[in-house]
Amino acid sequence: MKPNAIVITGPTACGKSDLAIEIARTYSMEIVSVDSALVYRTMDIGTAKPGAKVRQEIVHHLIDIRDPADPYSAAEFRTDAIKVIEEIHNRGKLPLLVGGTMLYLKALKDGIADLPPADAQVRTRILEQAESEGWPALHKKLQRVDPEAALRISCNDPQRLQRALEVYEITGETITALHRLQRSECPFHLIEVAVMPADRKALHQRIVVRFDEMLARGFIAEVQELYERGDLNPELPSIKAVGYRQAWAYLEGHIDYETMREKAVIATRQLAKRQYTWLRRWKNLHLVDSPNPAQVLKILERASILPLS
């Protein structure tokens, strides 16, 4: 029997974090973050990072583990998450995984290929080609060498496009072929719950309200501190995070404040749309239409994870 791990996921702003905190309060659980932005230190307001008081009450893992200048990968998440989950079980507690970075969840569930590390020279060469020819031209190149990856990766996703081309140049093998070669079974029995609000308009409104609250709490000042460090740039995964990318462009003078706000809200809505698309394809997923603790606890009871109430 594999050890159990509970997953609560869903689109951004659906209320999954508050739901998880409520459940963790009720039972002896520790939370494992599944969020590619929460890993970065000093990025607090724009990531809706849980506050110090909550983190003192309930143990959270995989938050504030990297400097924004130091990228963090899905493969690293899988390794770190497995170690943390095993440690939680050894303490006699239940791990509760919470977040909406679907690539991280997929890596944990399905394993991940042993891909080569980044090569600075190859990466620079690809970036220079993108600057001179444009990312659509590089996407056409990927279509020629790896049609399957080109279907998965949009020309508007330079980070993944760059990585796919980098892997091909380094190894001579496509990233699709390497992913097929090596898969590792998930060492845990995952009970996966997704909060999937049926009312998209209401979710979109929550996204607007939440971003405006972030602005009121000093989000621009937070990004200003990152900007003034001098060692960060908009090509880093940390600065590409939704909200941060638009605030960075505002601080660079490329857009005005209102345009920044509008672009950030649109980007967050687009993120939510992609998350819905991922989750519709998910197998063995328990769906709830609102962040209702009672609904989720019933699912866990039926799965024999929690005692019947």
C-alpha atoms as a PDB file:
ATOM      1  CA  MET A   1       0.000   0.000   0.000  1.00  0.00           C
ATOM      2  CA  LYS A   2       1.363   3.395  -0.981  1.00  0.00           C
ATOM      3  CA  PRO A   3       1.205   6.179   1.606  1.00  0.00           C
ATOM      4  CA  ASN A   4      -1.638   8.642   1.078  1.00  0.00           C
ATOM      5  CA  ALA A   5      -1.270  12.275   0.043  1.00  0.00           C
ATOM      6  CA  ILE A   6      -4.130  14.704  -0.445  1.00  0.00           C
ATOM      7  CA  VAL A   7      -4.105  17.223  -3.286  1.00  0.00           C
ATOM      8  CA  ILE A   8      -6.231  20.351  -3.483  1.00  0.00           C
ATOM      9  CA  THR A   9      -5.872  22.226  -6.746  1.00  0.00           C
ATOM     10  CA  GLY A  10      -7.890  24.458  -9.045  1.00  0.00           C
ATOM     11  CA  PRO A  11      -7.647  27.689 -11.026  1.00  0.00           C
ATOM     12  CA  THR A  12      -6.075  30.772  -9.513  1.00  0.00           C
ATOM     13  CA  ALA A  13      -8.292  32.752  -7.100  1.00  0.00           C
ATOM     14  CA  CYS A  14     -10.721  29.838  -6.616  1.00  0.00           C
ATOM     15  CA  GLY A  15     -10.155  29.762  -2.846  1.00  0.00           C
ATOM     16  CA  LYS A  16      -8.105  26.561  -2.644  1.00  0.00           C
ATOM     17  CA  SER A  17      -5.502  27.955  -0.217  1.00  0.00           C
ATOM     18  CA  ASP A  18      -8.059  29.071   2.375  1.00  0.00           C
ATOM     19  CA  LEU A  19      -9.845  25.748   1.936  1.00  0.00           C
ATOM     20  CA  ALA A  20      -6.635  23.834   2.597  1.00  0.00           C
ATOM     21  CA  ILE A  21      -5.855  25.884   5.691  1.00  0.00           C
ATOM     22  CA  GLU A  22      -9.329  25.181   7.093  1.00  0.00           C
ATOM     23  CA  ILE A  23      -8.913  21.436   6.517  1.00  0.00           C
ATOM     24  CA  ALA A  24      -5.367  21.392   7.906  1.00  0.00           C
ATOM     25  CA  ARG A  25      -6.658  23.107  11.063  1.00  0.00           C
ATOM     26  CA  THR A  26      -9.254  20.380  11.529  1.00  0.00           C
ATOM     27  CA  TYR A  27      -6.884  17.433  11.116  1.00  0.00           C
ATOM     28  CA  SER A  28      -3.206  16.793  11.799  1.00  0.00           C
ATOM     29  CA  MET A  29      -1.864  17.878   8.415  1.00  0.00           C
ATOM     30  CA  GLU A  30       1.110  19.736   6.995  1.00  0.00           C
ATOM     31  CA  ILE A  31       0.777  21.717   3.767  1.00  0.00           C
ATOM     32  CA  VAL A  32       3.078  21.232   0.785  1.00  0.00           C
ATOM     33  CA  SER A  33       2.948  24.124  -1.671  1.00  0.00           C
ATOM     34  CA  VAL A  34       2.536  23.249  -5.352  1.00  0.00           C
ATOM     35  CA  ASP A  35       3.156  26.739  -6.663  1.00  0.00           C
ATOM     36  CA  SER A  36       6.019  27.837  -8.918  1.00  0.00           C
ATOM     37  CA  ALA A  37       5.984  31.407  -7.547  1.00  0.00           C
ATOM     38  CA  LEU A  38       5.737  30.672  -3.819  1.00  0.00           C
ATOM     39  CA  VAL A  39       9.163  29.032  -3.924  1.00  0.00           C
ATOM     40  CA  TYR A  40      10.794  32.486  -4.269  1.00  0.00           C
ATOM     41  CA  ARG A  41      11.791  34.565  -1.272  1.00  0.00           C
ATOM     42  CA  THR A  42      10.681  38.241  -1.011  1.00  0.00           C
ATOM     43  CA  MET A  43       7.865  37.618  -3.523  1.00  0.00           C
ATOM     44  CA  ASP A  44       5.027  37.741  -1.023  1.00  0.00           C
ATOM     45  CA  ILE A  45       2.205  40.091  -2.007  1.00  0.00           C
ATOM     46  CA  GLY A  46       1.982  39.192  -5.683  1.00  0.00           C
ATOM     47  CA  THR A  47       1.992  35.457  -4.952  1.00  0.00           C
ATOM     48  CA  ALA A  48      -0.688  35.658  -2.235  1.00  0.00           C
ATOM     49  CA  LYS A  49       1.795  33.888   0.020  1.00  0.00           C
ATOM     50  CA  PRO A  50       0.339  32.753   3.359  1.00  0.00           C
ATOM     51  CA  GLY A  51       1.326  35.095   6.170  1.00  0.00           C
ATOM     52  CA  ALA A  52       3.675  34.403   9.050  1.00  0.00           C
ATOM     53  CA  LYS A  53       0.817  33.844  11.511  1.00  0.00           C
ATOM     54  CA  VAL A  54      -0.768  31.113   9.373  1.00  0.00           C
ATOM     55  CA  ARG A  55       2.612  29.473   8.765  1.00  0.00           C
ATOM     56  CA  GLN A  56       3.329  29.424  12.494  1.00  0.00           C
ATOM     57  CA  GLU A  57      -0.003  27.711  13.102  1.00  0.00           C
ATOM     58  CA  ILE A  58       0.230  25.217  10.216  1.00  0.00           C
ATOM     59  CA  VAL A  59       3.515  23.915   8.850  1.00  0.00           C
ATOM     60  CA  HIS A  60       4.043  24.847   5.178  1.00  0.00           C
ATOM     61  CA  HIS A  61       6.707  23.345   2.941  1.00  0.00           C
ATOM     62  CA  LEU A  62       8.391  24.412  -0.348  1.00  0.00           C
ATOM     63  CA  ILE A  63       7.785  28.114   0.280  1.00  0.00           C
ATOM     64  CA  ASP A  64      10.665  30.633   0.328  1.00  0.00           C
ATOM     65  CA  ILE A  65      13.240  28.032  -0.717  1.00  0.00           C
ATOM     66  CA  ARG A  66      14.843  29.934  -3.604  1.00  0.00           C
ATOM     67  CA  ASP A  67      16.170  33.392  -4.402  1.00  0.00           C
ATOM     68  CA  PRO A  68      14.342  34.964  -7.377  1.00  0.00           C
ATOM     69  CA  ALA A  69      17.624  34.864  -9.348  1.00  0.00           C
ATOM     70  CA  ASP A  70      17.781  31.062  -9.001  1.00  0.00           C
ATOM     71  CA  PRO A  71      15.254  29.231 -11.237  1.00  0.00           C
ATOM     72  CA  TYR A  72      13.383  26.216  -9.873  1.00  0.00           C
ATOM     73  CA  SER A  73      12.276  23.350 -12.113  1.00  0.00           C
ATOM     74  CA  ALA A  74       9.485  20.783 -12.109  1.00  0.00           C
ATOM     75  CA  ALA A  75      12.104  18.043 -11.702  1.00  0.00           C
ATOM     76  CA  GLU A  76      13.450  19.745  -8.572  1.00  0.00           C
ATOM     77  CA  PHE A  77       9.911  20.095  -7.255  1.00  0.00           C
ATOM     78  CA  ARG A  78       9.298  16.366  -7.693  1.00  0.00           C
ATOM     79  CA  THR A  79      12.465  15.454  -5.807  1.00  0.00           C
ATOM     80  CA  ASP A  80      11.798  17.944  -3.021  1.00  0.00           C
ATOM     81  CA  ALA A  81       8.094  17.083  -2.725  1.00  0.00           C
ATOM     82  CA  ILE A  82       8.738  13.348  -2.427  1.00  0.00           C
ATOM     83  CA  LYS A  83      11.307  13.954   0.326  1.00  0.00           C
ATOM     84  CA  VAL A  84       9.005  16.325   2.224  1.00  0.00           C
ATOM     85  CA  ILE A  85       5.954  14.051   1.929  1.00  0.00           C
ATOM     86  CA  GLU A  86       7.939  11.088   3.256  1.00  0.00           C
ATOM     87  CA  GLU A  87       9.137  13.196   6.208  1.00  0.00           C
ATOM     88  CA  ILE A  88       5.558  14.268   6.988  1.00  0.00           C
ATOM     89  CA  HIS A  89       4.441  10.625   7.042  1.00  0.00           C
ATOM     90  CA  ASN A  90       7.365   9.751   9.326  1.00  0.00           C
ATOM     91  CA  ARG A  91       6.026  12.344  11.775  1.00  0.00           C
ATOM     92  CA  GLY A  92       2.654  10.593  11.749  1.00  0.00           C
ATOM     93  CA  LYS A  93       0.873  13.375   9.874  1.00  0.00           C
ATOM     94  CA  LEU A  94      -0.956  13.674   6.581  1.00  0.00           C
ATOM     95  CA  PRO A  95       0.554  15.684   3.700  1.00  0.00           C
ATOM     96  CA  LEU A  96      -1.827  18.155   2.047  1.00  0.00           C
ATOM     97  CA  LEU A  97      -0.549  19.376  -1.325  1.00  0.00           C
ATOM     98  CA  VAL A  98      -2.028  22.703  -2.378  1.00  0.00           C
ATOM     99  CA  GLY A  99      -1.503  24.765  -5.495  1.00  0.00           C
ATOM    100  CA  GLY A 100      -2.221  25.360  -9.135  1.00  0.00           C
ATOM    101  CA  THR A 101       1.089  24.754 -10.915  1.00  0.00           C
ATOM    102  CA  MET A 102      -0.163  21.877 -13.037  1.00  0.00           C
ATOM    103  CA  LEU A 103       3.265  21.032 -14.441  1.00  0.00           C
ATOM    104  CA  TYR A 104       4.479  20.345 -10.894  1.00  0.00           C
ATOM    105  CA  LEU A 105       1.530  18.070 -10.173  1.00  0.00           C
ATOM    106  CA  LYS A 106       2.060  16.236 -13.458  1.00  0.00           C
ATOM    107  CA  ALA A 107       5.729  15.731 -12.625  1.00  0.00           C
ATOM    108  CA  LEU A 108       4.797  14.216  -9.263  1.00  0.00           C
ATOM    109  CA  LYS A 109       2.080  11.989 -10.749  1.00  0.00           C
ATOM    110  CA  ASP A 110       3.759  10.821 -13.948  1.00  0.00           C
ATOM    111  CA  GLY A 111       7.452  11.222 -13.289  1.00  0.00           C
ATOM    112  CA  ILE A 112       9.792  13.297 -15.369  1.00  0.00           C
ATOM    113  CA  ALA A 113      12.484  12.578 -17.916  1.00  0.00           C
ATOM    114  CA  ASP A 114      16.151  12.858 -17.005  1.00  0.00           C
ATOM    115  CA  LEU A 115      16.789  15.928 -19.145  1.00  0.00           C
ATOM    116  CA  PRO A 116      20.187  17.615 -19.474  1.00  0.00           C
ATOM    117  CA  PRO A 117      20.915  20.690 -17.362  1.00  0.00           C
ATOM    118  CA  ALA A 118      20.702  24.107 -18.966  1.00  0.00           C
ATOM    119  CA  ASP A 119      23.581  25.074 -21.226  1.00  0.00           C
ATOM    120  CA  ALA A 120      24.329  28.805 -21.065  1.00  0.00           C
ATOM    121  CA  GLN A 121      25.929  28.948 -24.525  1.00  0.00           C
ATOM    122  CA  VAL A 122      23.101  27.095 -26.251  1.00  0.00           C
ATOM    123  CA  ARG A 123      20.502  29.123 -24.383  1.00  0.00           C
ATOM    124  CA  THR A 124      22.162  32.414 -25.355  1.00  0.00           C
ATOM    125  CA  ARG A 125      22.312  31.336 -28.980  1.00  0.00           C
ATOM    126  CA  ILE A 126      18.580  30.493 -28.986  1.00  0.00           C
ATOM    127  CA  LEU A 127      17.724  33.829 -27.358  1.00  0.00           C
ATOM    128  CA  GLU A 128      19.786  35.725 -29.912  1.00  0.00           C
ATOM    129  CA  GLN A 129      18.008  33.881 -32.715  1.00  0.00           C
ATOM    130  CA  ALA A 130      14.645  34.721 -31.135  1.00  0.00           C
ATOM    131  CA  GLU A 131      15.585  38.396 -30.954  1.00  0.00           C
ATOM    132  CA  SER A 132      16.616  38.508 -34.614  1.00  0.00           C
ATOM    133  CA  GLU A 133      13.942  36.225 -36.127  1.00  0.00           C
ATOM    134  CA  GLY A 134      11.145  36.172 -33.551  1.00  0.00           C
ATOM    135  CA  TRP A 135       9.701  33.331 -31.468  1.00  0.00           C
ATOM    136  CA  PRO A 136       7.255  32.242 -34.228  1.00  0.00           C
ATOM    137  CA  ALA A 137      10.274  31.364 -36.402  1.00  0.00           C
ATOM    138  CA  LEU A 138      11.724  29.241 -33.608  1.00  0.00           C
ATOM    139  CA  HIS A 139       8.348  27.580 -33.145  1.00  0.00           C
ATOM    140  CA  LYS A 140       8.450  26.563 -36.824  1.00  0.00           C
ATOM    141  CA  LYS A 141      11.876  25.066 -36.202  1.00  0.00           C
ATOM    142  CA  LEU A 142      10.435  23.042 -33.314  1.00  0.00           C
ATOM    143  CA  GLN A 143       7.580  21.902 -35.577  1.00  0.00           C
ATOM    144  CA  ARG A 144      10.171  20.451 -37.960  1.00  0.00           C
ATOM    145  CA  VAL A 145      12.202  18.561 -35.356  1.00  0.00           C
ATOM    146  CA  ASP A 146       9.526  17.722 -32.765  1.00  0.00           C
ATOM    147  CA  PRO A 147       5.947  18.146 -34.057  1.00  0.00           C
ATOM    148  CA  GLU A 148       4.407  16.706 -30.893  1.00  0.00           C
ATOM    149  CA  ALA A 149       6.170  19.217 -28.665  1.00  0.00           C
ATOM    150  CA  ALA A 150       5.184  22.025 -31.042  1.00  0.00           C
ATOM    151  CA  LEU A 151       1.531  21.060 -30.565  1.00  0.00           C
ATOM    152  CA  ARG A 152       1.924  21.274 -26.771  1.00  0.00           C
ATOM    153  CA  ILE A 153       4.036  24.421 -26.702  1.00  0.00           C
ATOM    154  CA  SER A 154       2.726  27.737 -27.976  1.00  0.00           C
ATOM    155  CA  CYS A 155       4.956  30.236 -29.754  1.00  0.00           C
ATOM    156  CA  ASN A 156       3.820  32.598 -26.971  1.00  0.00           C
ATOM    157  CA  ASP A 157       5.538  30.403 -24.361  1.00  0.00           C
ATOM    158  CA  PRO A 158       9.218  31.286 -24.907  1.00  0.00           C
ATOM    159  CA  GLN A 159      10.476  29.561 -21.762  1.00  0.00           C
ATOM    160  CA  ARG A 160       9.212  26.090 -22.741  1.00  0.00           C
ATOM    161  CA  LEU A 161       9.970  26.661 -26.421  1.00  0.00           C
ATOM    162  CA  GLN A 162      13.545  27.612 -25.589  1.00  0.00           C
ATOM    163  CA  ARG A 163      13.937  24.546 -23.362  1.00  0.00           C
ATOM    164  CA  ALA A 164      12.635  22.149 -26.033  1.00  0.00           C
ATOM    165  CA  LEU A 165      15.070  23.510 -28.617  1.00  0.00           C
ATOM    166  CA  GLU A 166      17.895  23.549 -26.069  1.00  0.00           C
ATOM    167  CA  VAL A 167      17.381  19.866 -25.224  1.00  0.00           C
ATOM    168  CA  TYR A 168      17.384  18.969 -28.928  1.00  0.00           C
ATOM    169  CA  GLU A 169      20.604  20.887 -29.579  1.00  0.00           C
ATOM    170  CA  ILE A 170      22.389  19.393 -26.559  1.00  0.00           C
ATOM    171  CA  THR A 171      21.315  15.756 -26.967  1.00  0.00           C
ATOM    172  CA  GLY A 172      20.246  15.358 -30.578  1.00  0.00           C
ATOM    173  CA  GLU A 173      17.044  13.828 -29.200  1.00  0.00           C
ATOM    174  CA  THR A 174      13.656  15.518 -28.996  1.00  0.00           C
ATOM    175  CA  ILE A 175      12.212  16.409 -25.622  1.00  0.00           C
ATOM    176  CA  THR A 176       9.165  14.285 -26.536  1.00  0.00           C
ATOM    177  CA  ALA A 177      11.324  11.186 -27.066  1.00  0.00           C
ATOM    178  CA  LEU A 178      13.232  11.727 -23.825  1.00  0.00           C
ATOM    179  CA  HIS A 179      10.013  12.122 -21.850  1.00  0.00           C
ATOM    180  CA  ARG A 180       8.851   8.741 -23.171  1.00  0.00           C
ATOM    181  CA  LEU A 181      12.085   7.000 -22.259  1.00  0.00           C
ATOM    182  CA  GLN A 182      11.959   7.552 -18.539  1.00  0.00           C
ATOM    183  CA  ARG A 183       8.932   7.751 -16.295  1.00  0.00           C
ATOM    184  CA  SER A 184       8.905   7.161 -12.568  1.00  0.00           C
ATOM    185  CA  GLU A 185       5.805   5.923 -10.809  1.00  0.00           C
ATOM    186  CA  CYS A 186       4.386   8.209  -8.149  1.00  0.00           C
ATOM    187  CA  PRO A 187       5.339   6.719  -4.763  1.00  0.00           C
ATOM    188  CA  PHE A 188       2.109   7.940  -3.148  1.00  0.00           C
ATOM    189  CA  HIS A 189      -1.593   7.288  -3.467  1.00  0.00           C
ATOM    190  CA  LEU A 190      -2.910  10.728  -4.409  1.00  0.00           C
ATOM    191  CA  ILE A 191      -6.464  11.736  -3.542  1.00  0.00           C
ATOM    192  CA  GLU A 192      -6.957  14.716  -5.834  1.00  0.00           C
ATOM    193  CA  VAL A 193      -9.619  17.363  -5.366  1.00  0.00           C
ATOM    194  CA  ALA A 194     -10.094  20.347  -7.675  1.00  0.00           C
ATOM    195  CA  VAL A 195     -12.127  23.450  -6.900  1.00  0.00           C
ATOM    196  CA  MET A 196     -13.706  24.239 -10.266  1.00  0.00           C
ATOM    197  CA  PRO A 197     -16.115  27.212 -10.031  1.00  0.00           C
ATOM    198  CA  ALA A 198     -18.866  26.899 -12.628  1.00  0.00           C
ATOM    199  CA  ASP A 199     -19.427  30.659 -12.725  1.00  0.00           C
ATOM    200  CA  ARG A 200     -16.432  31.954 -14.700  1.00  0.00           C
ATOM    201  CA  LYS A 201     -17.641  35.559 -14.491  1.00  0.00           C
ATOM    202  CA  ALA A 202     -17.602  35.415 -10.711  1.00  0.00           C
ATOM    203  CA  LEU A 203     -14.084  33.957 -10.787  1.00  0.00           C
ATOM    204  CA  HIS A 204     -12.955  36.710 -13.147  1.00  0.00           C
ATOM    205  CA  GLN A 205     -14.351  39.300 -10.755  1.00  0.00           C
ATOM    206  CA  ARG A 206     -12.495  37.703  -7.843  1.00  0.00           C
ATOM    207  CA  ILE A 207      -9.299  37.954  -9.898  1.00  0.00           C
ATOM    208  CA  VAL A 208      -9.866  41.705 -10.352  1.00  0.00           C
ATOM    209  CA  VAL A 209     -10.640  42.251  -6.675  1.00  0.00           C
ATOM    210  CA  ARG A 210      -7.635  40.226  -5.535  1.00  0.00           C
ATOM    211  CA  PHE A 211      -5.199  42.066  -7.801  1.00  0.00           C
ATOM    212  CA  ASP A 212      -6.527  45.439  -6.673  1.00  0.00           C
ATOM    213  CA  GLU A 213      -6.058  44.313  -3.070  1.00  0.00           C
ATOM    214  CA  MET A 214      -2.457  43.358  -3.895  1.00  0.00           C
ATOM    215  CA  LEU A 215      -1.864  46.804  -5.370  1.00  0.00           C
ATOM    216  CA  ALA A 216      -3.330  48.433  -2.253  1.00  0.00           C
ATOM    217  CA  ARG A 217      -1.022  46.337  -0.039  1.00  0.00           C
ATOM    218  CA  GLY A 218       2.088  47.596  -1.831  1.00  0.00           C
ATOM    219  CA  PHE A 219       2.668  45.177  -4.685  1.00  0.00           C
ATOM    220  CA  ILE A 220       4.439  47.762  -6.857  1.00  0.00           C
ATOM    221  CA  ALA A 221       6.834  48.577  -4.011  1.00  0.00           C
ATOM    222  CA  GLU A 222       7.565  44.854  -3.678  1.00  0.00           C
ATOM    223  CA  VAL A 223       8.447  44.589  -7.377  1.00  0.00           C
ATOM    224  CA  GLN A 224      10.414  47.849  -7.147  1.00  0.00           C
ATOM    225  CA  GLU A 225      12.716  46.230  -4.582  1.00  0.00           C
ATOM    226  CA  LEU A 226      13.300  43.310  -6.941  1.00  0.00           C
ATOM    227  CA  TYR A 227      13.858  45.695  -9.844  1.00  0.00           C
ATOM    228  CA  GLU A 228      16.426  47.733  -7.942  1.00  0.00           C
ATOM    229  CA  ARG A 229      18.518  44.698  -7.026  1.00  0.00           C
ATOM    230  CA  GLY A 230      20.149  44.861 -10.442  1.00  0.00           C
ATOM    231  CA  ASP A 231      20.717  41.117 -10.823  1.00  0.00           C
ATOM    232  CA  LEU A 232      17.217  40.175 -12.019  1.00  0.00           C
ATOM    233  CA  ASN A 233      15.704  40.402 -15.485  1.00  0.00           C
ATOM    234  CA  PRO A 234      12.321  39.716 -17.135  1.00  0.00           C
ATOM    235  CA  GLU A 235      13.567  36.442 -18.669  1.00  0.00           C
ATOM    236  CA  LEU A 236      13.833  34.756 -15.266  1.00  0.00           C
ATOM    237  CA  PRO A 237      10.933  32.450 -14.288  1.00  0.00           C
ATOM    238  CA  SER A 238      10.402  34.438 -11.082  1.00  0.00           C
ATOM    239  CA  ILE A 239       9.896  37.721 -12.926  1.00  0.00           C
ATOM    240  CA  LYS A 240       7.785  36.009 -15.588  1.00  0.00           C
ATOM    241  CA  ALA A 241       5.221  35.151 -12.903  1.00  0.00           C
ATOM    242  CA  VAL A 242       1.787  36.633 -13.552  1.00  0.00           C
ATOM    243  CA  GLY A 243       1.569  40.155 -12.160  1.00  0.00           C
ATOM    244  CA  TYR A 244       5.322  40.503 -11.704  1.00  0.00           C
ATOM    245  CA  ARG A 245       5.942  40.512 -15.451  1.00  0.00           C
ATOM    246  CA  GLN A 246       3.444  43.334 -15.985  1.00  0.00           C
ATOM    247  CA  ALA A 247       4.660  45.344 -12.964  1.00  0.00           C
ATOM    248  CA  TRP A 248       8.233  44.992 -14.224  1.00  0.00           C
ATOM    249  CA  ALA A 249       7.220  46.391 -17.625  1.00  0.00           C
ATOM    250  CA  TYR A 250       5.544  49.314 -15.830  1.00  0.00           C
ATOM    251  CA  LEU A 251       8.687  50.054 -13.815  1.00  0.00           C
ATOM    252  CA  GLU A 252      10.770  49.919 -16.996  1.00  0.00           C
ATOM    253  CA  GLY A 253       8.471  52.555 -18.488  1.00  0.00           C
ATOM    254  CA  HIS A 254       7.099  50.328 -21.253  1.00  0.00           C
ATOM    255  CA  ILE A 255       3.471  50.674 -20.118  1.00  0.00           C
ATOM    256  CA  ASP A 256       1.503  53.021 -17.872  1.00  0.00           C
ATOM    257  CA  TYR A 257      -0.117  52.082 -14.558  1.00  0.00           C
ATOM    258  CA  GLU A 258      -3.630  51.440 -15.902  1.00  0.00           C
ATOM    259  CA  THR A 259      -2.274  49.312 -18.753  1.00  0.00           C
ATOM    260  CA  MET A 260      -0.190  47.368 -16.244  1.00  0.00           C
ATOM    261  CA  ARG A 261      -3.254  46.664 -14.126  1.00  0.00           C
ATOM    262  CA  GLU A 262      -5.332  45.638 -17.154  1.00  0.00           C
ATOM    263  CA  LYS A 263      -2.605  43.363 -18.559  1.00  0.00           C
ATOM    264  CA  ALA A 264      -2.042  41.714 -15.188  1.00  0.00           C
ATOM    265  CA  VAL A 265      -5.745  40.944 -14.791  1.00  0.00           C
ATOM    266  CA  ILE A 266      -5.963  39.586 -18.353  1.00  0.00           C
ATOM    267  CA  ALA A 267      -2.868  37.418 -17.817  1.00  0.00           C
ATOM    268  CA  THR A 268      -4.343  36.033 -14.593  1.00  0.00           C
ATOM    269  CA  ARG A 269      -7.589  35.184 -16.360  1.00  0.00           C
ATOM    270  CA  GLN A 270      -5.615  33.449 -19.106  1.00  0.00           C
ATOM    271  CA  LEU A 271      -3.762  31.467 -16.452  1.00  0.00           C
ATOM    272  CA  ALA A 272      -7.094  30.376 -14.956  1.00  0.00           C
ATOM    273  CA  LYS A 273      -8.272  29.301 -18.404  1.00  0.00           C
ATOM    274  CA  ARG A 274      -5.153  27.155 -18.916  1.00  0.00           C
ATOM    275  CA  GLN A 275      -5.647  25.598 -15.495  1.00  0.00           C
ATOM    276  CA  TYR A 276      -9.249  24.690 -16.366  1.00  0.00           C
ATOM    277  CA  THR A 277      -7.979  23.060 -19.577  1.00  0.00           C
ATOM    278  CA  TRP A 278      -5.384  21.002 -17.686  1.00  0.00           C
ATOM    279  CA  LEU A 279      -7.890  19.866 -15.086  1.00  0.00           C
ATOM    280  CA  ARG A 280     -10.520  18.784 -17.613  1.00  0.00           C
ATOM    281  CA  ARG A 281      -8.030  16.200 -18.881  1.00  0.00           C
ATOM    282  CA  TRP A 282      -7.097  15.025 -15.376  1.00  0.00           C
ATOM    283  CA  LYS A 283      -8.002  11.431 -14.476  1.00  0.00           C
ATOM    284  CA  ASN A 284      -9.377  10.327 -11.099  1.00  0.00           C
ATOM    285  CA  LEU A 285     -10.112  13.904 -10.083  1.00  0.00           C
ATOM    286  CA  HIS A 286     -12.804  14.762  -7.531  1.00  0.00           C
ATOM    287  CA  LEU A 287     -14.520  18.017  -8.499  1.00  0.00           C
ATOM    288  CA  VAL A 288     -16.173  20.536  -6.194  1.00  0.00           C
ATOM    289  CA  ASP A 289     -17.716  23.773  -7.441  1.00  0.00           C
ATOM    290  CA  SER A 290     -16.764  25.881  -4.421  1.00  0.00           C
ATOM    291  CA  PRO A 291     -14.121  25.854  -1.662  1.00  0.00           C
ATOM    292  CA  ASN A 292     -16.457  24.103   0.759  1.00  0.00           C
ATOM    293  CA  PRO A 293     -14.587  22.189   3.520  1.00  0.00           C
ATOM    294  CA  ALA A 294     -17.581  19.922   4.224  1.00  0.00           C
ATOM    295  CA  GLN A 295     -17.663  18.729   0.591  1.00  0.00           C
ATOM    296  CA  VAL A 296     -13.955  17.969   0.552  1.00  0.00           C
ATOM    297  CA  LEU A 297     -14.043  16.187   3.915  1.00  0.00           C
ATOM    298  CA  LYS A 298     -16.821  13.936   2.607  1.00  0.00           C
ATOM    299  CA  ILE A 299     -14.637  13.002  -0.367  1.00  0.00           C
ATOM    300  CA  LEU A 300     -11.748  12.150   1.963  1.00  0.00           C
ATOM    301  CA  GLU A 301     -14.030  10.118   4.201  1.00  0.00           C
ATOM    302  CA  ARG A 302     -15.323   8.112   1.237  1.00  0.00           C
ATOM    303  CA  ALA A 303     -11.723   7.494   0.179  1.00  0.00           C
ATOM    304  CA  SER A 304     -11.035   6.187   3.721  1.00  0.00           C
ATOM    305  CA  ILE A 305      -8.447   8.919   4.264  1.00  0.00           C
ATOM    306  CA  LEU A 306     -10.301  10.443   7.202  1.00  0.00           C
ATOM    307  CA  PRO A 307     -12.589   8.793   9.792  1.00  0.00           C
ATOM    308  CA  LEU A 308     -16.299   8.996   9.099  1.00  0.00           C
ATOM    309  CA  SER A 309     -17.939  11.944  10.880  1.00  0.00           C
END
